[in-house]
Amino acid sequence: MIGKVRKGRSFKKCVSYVMDRDKNPELLYSEGVLETDIKAIINSFYVQS
């Protein structure tokens, strides 16, 4: 669980923060998003927007 909510302007920073390896993240479901690594997730969202 992430306890602090931060306001930012970068989607890359948001995904990197949520998917931080120290927090042991688990991606439950994705459709149309490459989930091989953090860069692939970020690029998939940029391409779809």
PDB file of N, CA and C in Angstrom:
ATOM      1  N   MET A   1       0.839  -1.175   0.000  1.00  0.00           N
ATOM      2  CA  MET A   1       0.000   0.000   0.000  1.00  0.00           C
ATOM      3  C   MET A   1       0.882   1.235   0.000  1.00  0.00           C
ATOM      4  N   ILE A   2       0.518   2.201  -0.799  1.00  0.00           N
ATOM      5  CA  ILE A   2       1.266   3.444  -0.890  1.00  0.00           C
ATOM      6  C   ILE A   2       0.538   4.474  -0.043  1.00  0.00           C
ATOM      7  N   GLY A   3       1.215   5.000   0.972  1.00  0.00           N
ATOM      8  CA  GLY A   3       0.573   5.877   1.924  1.00  0.00           C
ATOM      9  C   GLY A   3       0.596   7.345   1.577  1.00  0.00           C
ATOM     10  N   LYS A   4       1.559   7.779   0.781  1.00  0.00           N
ATOM     11  CA  LYS A   4       1.662   9.191   0.463  1.00  0.00           C
ATOM     12  C   LYS A   4       1.130   9.456  -0.939  1.00  0.00           C
ATOM     13  N   VAL A   5       0.308  10.471  -1.078  1.00  0.00           N
ATOM     14  CA  VAL A   5      -0.211  10.862  -2.378  1.00  0.00           C
ATOM     15  C   VAL A   5       0.532  12.115  -2.806  1.00  0.00           C
ATOM     16  N   ARG A   6       1.101  12.072  -3.981  1.00  0.00           N
ATOM     17  CA  ARG A   6       1.864  13.209  -4.500  1.00  0.00           C
ATOM     18  C   ARG A   6       1.226  13.707  -5.782  1.00  0.00           C
ATOM     19  N   LYS A   7       1.273  15.017  -5.974  1.00  0.00           N
ATOM     20  CA  LYS A   7       0.777  15.601  -7.202  1.00  0.00           C
ATOM     21  C   LYS A   7       1.964  15.878  -8.110  1.00  0.00           C
ATOM     22  N   GLY A   8       1.915  15.383  -9.319  1.00  0.00           N
ATOM     23  CA  GLY A   8       3.007  15.579 -10.254  1.00  0.00           C
ATOM     24  C   GLY A   8       2.498  15.799 -11.657  1.00  0.00           C
ATOM     25  N   ARG A   9       3.433  16.013 -12.553  1.00  0.00           N
ATOM     26  CA  ARG A   9       3.049  16.277 -13.939  1.00  0.00           C
ATOM     27  C   ARG A   9       3.610  15.256 -14.915  1.00  0.00           C
ATOM     28  N   SER A  10       4.318  14.279 -14.423  1.00  0.00           N
ATOM     29  CA  SER A  10       4.973  13.330 -15.303  1.00  0.00           C
ATOM     30  C   SER A  10       4.363  11.938 -15.132  1.00  0.00           C
ATOM     31  N   PHE A  11       3.828  11.407 -16.218  1.00  0.00           N
ATOM     32  CA  PHE A  11       3.274  10.056 -16.173  1.00  0.00           C
ATOM     33  C   PHE A  11       4.386   9.038 -15.959  1.00  0.00           C
ATOM     34  N   LYS A  12       5.567   9.301 -16.501  1.00  0.00           N
ATOM     35  CA  LYS A  12       6.712   8.411 -16.332  1.00  0.00           C
ATOM     36  C   LYS A  12       7.074   8.284 -14.867  1.00  0.00           C
ATOM     37  N   LYS A  13       7.099   9.380 -14.156  1.00  0.00           N
ATOM     38  CA  LYS A  13       7.439   9.342 -12.729  1.00  0.00           C
ATOM     39  C   LYS A  13       6.370   8.607 -11.933  1.00  0.00           C
ATOM     40  N   CYS A  14       5.124   8.781 -12.317  1.00  0.00           N
ATOM     41  CA  CYS A  14       4.020   8.102 -11.637  1.00  0.00           C
ATOM     42  C   CYS A  14       4.145   6.581 -11.772  1.00  0.00           C
ATOM     43  N   VAL A  15       4.340   6.108 -12.988  1.00  0.00           N
ATOM     44  CA  VAL A  15       4.471   4.665 -13.219  1.00  0.00           C
ATOM     45  C   VAL A  15       5.715   4.119 -12.526  1.00  0.00           C
ATOM     46  N   SER A  16       6.815   4.852 -12.597  1.00  0.00           N
ATOM     47  CA  SER A  16       8.047   4.419 -11.946  1.00  0.00           C
ATOM     48  C   SER A  16       7.864   4.328 -10.435  1.00  0.00           C
ATOM     49  N   TYR A  17       7.139   5.282  -9.858  1.00  0.00           N
ATOM     50  CA  TYR A  17       6.897   5.281  -8.410  1.00  0.00           C
ATOM     51  C   TYR A  17       6.023   4.097  -7.998  1.00  0.00           C
ATOM     52  N   VAL A  18       4.965   3.858  -8.742  1.00  0.00           N
ATOM     53  CA  VAL A  18       4.038   2.780  -8.396  1.00  0.00           C
ATOM     54  C   VAL A  18       4.676   1.410  -8.612  1.00  0.00           C
ATOM     55  N   MET A  19       5.478   1.271  -9.663  1.00  0.00           N
ATOM     56  CA  MET A  19       6.078  -0.019  -9.999  1.00  0.00           C
ATOM     57  C   MET A  19       7.486  -0.192  -9.428  1.00  0.00           C
ATOM     58  N   ASP A  20       7.824   0.542  -8.382  1.00  0.00           N
ATOM     59  CA  ASP A  20       9.140   0.455  -7.746  1.00  0.00           C
ATOM     60  C   ASP A  20       9.377  -0.967  -7.233  1.00  0.00           C
ATOM     61  N   ARG A  21      10.518  -1.531  -7.552  1.00  0.00           N
ATOM     62  CA  ARG A  21      10.813  -2.923  -7.180  1.00  0.00           C
ATOM     63  C   ARG A  21      10.895  -3.121  -5.673  1.00  0.00           C
ATOM     64  N   ASP A  22      11.265  -2.087  -4.929  1.00  0.00           N
ATOM     65  CA  ASP A  22      11.358  -2.208  -3.471  1.00  0.00           C
ATOM     66  C   ASP A  22       9.995  -2.406  -2.824  1.00  0.00           C
ATOM     67  N   LYS A  23       8.944  -1.977  -3.506  1.00  0.00           N
ATOM     68  CA  LYS A  23       7.584  -2.118  -2.976  1.00  0.00           C
ATOM     69  C   LYS A  23       6.947  -3.445  -3.362  1.00  0.00           C
ATOM     70  N   ASN A  24       7.650  -4.246  -4.166  1.00  0.00           N
ATOM     71  CA  ASN A  24       7.168  -5.554  -4.621  1.00  0.00           C
ATOM     72  C   ASN A  24       5.800  -5.441  -5.301  1.00  0.00           C
ATOM     73  N   PRO A  25       5.718  -4.704  -6.428  1.00  0.00           N
ATOM     74  CA  PRO A  25       4.437  -4.485  -7.097  1.00  0.00           C
ATOM     75  C   PRO A  25       3.941  -5.740  -7.816  1.00  0.00           C
ATOM     76  N   GLU A  26       2.650  -5.819  -7.991  1.00  0.00           N
ATOM     77  CA  GLU A  26       2.048  -6.926  -8.723  1.00  0.00           C
ATOM     78  C   GLU A  26       1.006  -6.354  -9.670  1.00  0.00           C
ATOM     79  N   LEU A  27       1.231  -6.523 -10.956  1.00  0.00           N
ATOM     80  CA  LEU A  27       0.301  -6.049 -11.971  1.00  0.00           C
ATOM     81  C   LEU A  27      -0.767  -7.112 -12.158  1.00  0.00           C
ATOM     82  N   LEU A  28      -2.002  -6.772 -11.830  1.00  0.00           N
ATOM     83  CA  LEU A  28      -3.079  -7.754 -11.844  1.00  0.00           C
ATOM     84  C   LEU A  28      -3.643  -8.015 -13.232  1.00  0.00           C
ATOM     85  N   TYR A  29      -3.829  -6.950 -14.021  1.00  0.00           N
ATOM     86  CA  TYR A  29      -4.448  -7.120 -15.329  1.00  0.00           C
ATOM     87  C   TYR A  29      -4.049  -5.960 -16.226  1.00  0.00           C
ATOM     88  N   SER A  30      -3.815  -6.261 -17.474  1.00  0.00           N
ATOM     89  CA  SER A  30      -3.561  -5.200 -18.449  1.00  0.00           C
ATOM     90  C   SER A  30      -4.063  -5.661 -19.810  1.00  0.00           C
ATOM     91  N   GLU A  31      -4.581  -4.712 -20.567  1.00  0.00           N
ATOM     92  CA  GLU A  31      -5.062  -5.016 -21.906  1.00  0.00           C
ATOM     93  C   GLU A  31      -4.516  -3.951 -22.843  1.00  0.00           C
ATOM     94  N   GLY A  32      -3.736  -4.365 -23.823  1.00  0.00           N
ATOM     95  CA  GLY A  32      -3.163  -3.431 -24.776  1.00  0.00           C
ATOM     96  C   GLY A  32      -1.920  -2.717 -24.270  1.00  0.00           C
ATOM     97  N   VAL A  33      -1.341  -3.220 -23.173  1.00  0.00           N
ATOM     98  CA  VAL A  33      -0.139  -2.604 -22.593  1.00  0.00           C
ATOM     99  C   VAL A  33       0.954  -3.659 -22.531  1.00  0.00           C
ATOM    100  N   LEU A  34       2.112  -3.333 -23.082  1.00  0.00           N
ATOM    101  CA  LEU A  34       3.255  -4.239 -22.956  1.00  0.00           C
ATOM    102  C   LEU A  34       3.747  -4.190 -21.520  1.00  0.00           C
ATOM    103  N   GLU A  35       3.891  -5.333 -20.895  1.00  0.00           N
ATOM    104  CA  GLU A  35       4.271  -5.357 -19.488  1.00  0.00           C
ATOM    105  C   GLU A  35       5.612  -6.043 -19.242  1.00  0.00           C
ATOM    106  N   THR A  36       6.528  -5.915 -20.204  1.00  0.00           N
ATOM    107  CA  THR A  36       7.836  -6.545 -20.044  1.00  0.00           C
ATOM    108  C   THR A  36       8.707  -5.807 -19.038  1.00  0.00           C
ATOM    109  N   ASP A  37       8.647  -4.487 -19.053  1.00  0.00           N
ATOM    110  CA  ASP A  37       9.384  -3.680 -18.074  1.00  0.00           C
ATOM    111  C   ASP A  37       8.712  -2.314 -17.949  1.00  0.00           C
ATOM    112  N   ILE A  38       9.229  -1.472 -17.078  1.00  0.00           N
ATOM    113  CA  ILE A  38       8.609  -0.168 -16.814  1.00  0.00           C
ATOM    114  C   ILE A  38       8.613   0.708 -18.060  1.00  0.00           C
ATOM    115  N   LYS A  39       9.694   0.710 -18.819  1.00  0.00           N
ATOM    116  CA  LYS A  39       9.769   1.526 -20.037  1.00  0.00           C
ATOM    117  C   LYS A  39       8.708   1.111 -21.047  1.00  0.00           C
ATOM    118  N   ALA A  40       8.466  -0.178 -21.175  1.00  0.00           N
ATOM    119  CA  ALA A  40       7.458  -0.669 -22.115  1.00  0.00           C
ATOM    120  C   ALA A  40       6.051  -0.242 -21.678  1.00  0.00           C
ATOM    121  N   ILE A  41       5.788  -0.261 -20.382  1.00  0.00           N
ATOM    122  CA  ILE A  41       4.484   0.180 -19.877  1.00  0.00           C
ATOM    123  C   ILE A  41       4.267   1.650 -20.185  1.00  0.00           C
ATOM    124  N   ILE A  42       5.278   2.479 -19.914  1.00  0.00           N
ATOM    125  CA  ILE A  42       5.196   3.920 -20.152  1.00  0.00           C
ATOM    126  C   ILE A  42       4.996   4.197 -21.629  1.00  0.00           C
ATOM    127  N   ASN A  43       5.773   3.561 -22.492  1.00  0.00           N
ATOM    128  CA  ASN A  43       5.651   3.767 -23.933  1.00  0.00           C
ATOM    129  C   ASN A  43       4.284   3.326 -24.445  1.00  0.00           C
ATOM    130  N   SER A  44       3.739   2.255 -23.913  1.00  0.00           N
ATOM    131  CA  SER A  44       2.415   1.793 -24.337  1.00  0.00           C
ATOM    132  C   SER A  44       1.353   2.838 -24.037  1.00  0.00           C
ATOM    133  N   PHE A  45       1.433   3.468 -22.867  1.00  0.00           N
ATOM    134  CA  PHE A  45       0.454   4.497 -22.517  1.00  0.00           C
ATOM    135  C   PHE A  45       0.623   5.740 -23.390  1.00  0.00           C
ATOM    136  N   TYR A  46       1.856   6.126 -23.672  1.00  0.00           N
ATOM    137  CA  TYR A  46       2.095   7.287 -24.537  1.00  0.00           C
ATOM    138  C   TYR A  46       1.571   7.048 -25.949  1.00  0.00           C
ATOM    139  N   VAL A  47       1.762   5.843 -26.478  1.00  0.00           N
ATOM    140  CA  VAL A  47       1.300   5.520 -27.826  1.00  0.00           C
ATOM    141  C   VAL A  47      -0.230   5.540 -27.884  1.00  0.00           C
ATOM    142  N   GLN A  48      -0.888   5.094 -26.828  1.00  0.00           N
ATOM    143  CA  GLN A  48      -2.349   5.017 -26.816  1.00  0.00           C
ATOM    144  C   GLN A  48      -3.008   6.373 -26.584  1.00  0.00           C
ATOM    145  N   SER A  49      -2.256   7.329 -26.048  1.00  0.00           N
ATOM    146  CA  SER A  49      -2.879   8.645 -25.758  1.00  0.00           C
ATOM    147  C   SER A  49      -2.892   9.555 -26.951  1.00  0.00           C
TER     148      SER A  49
END
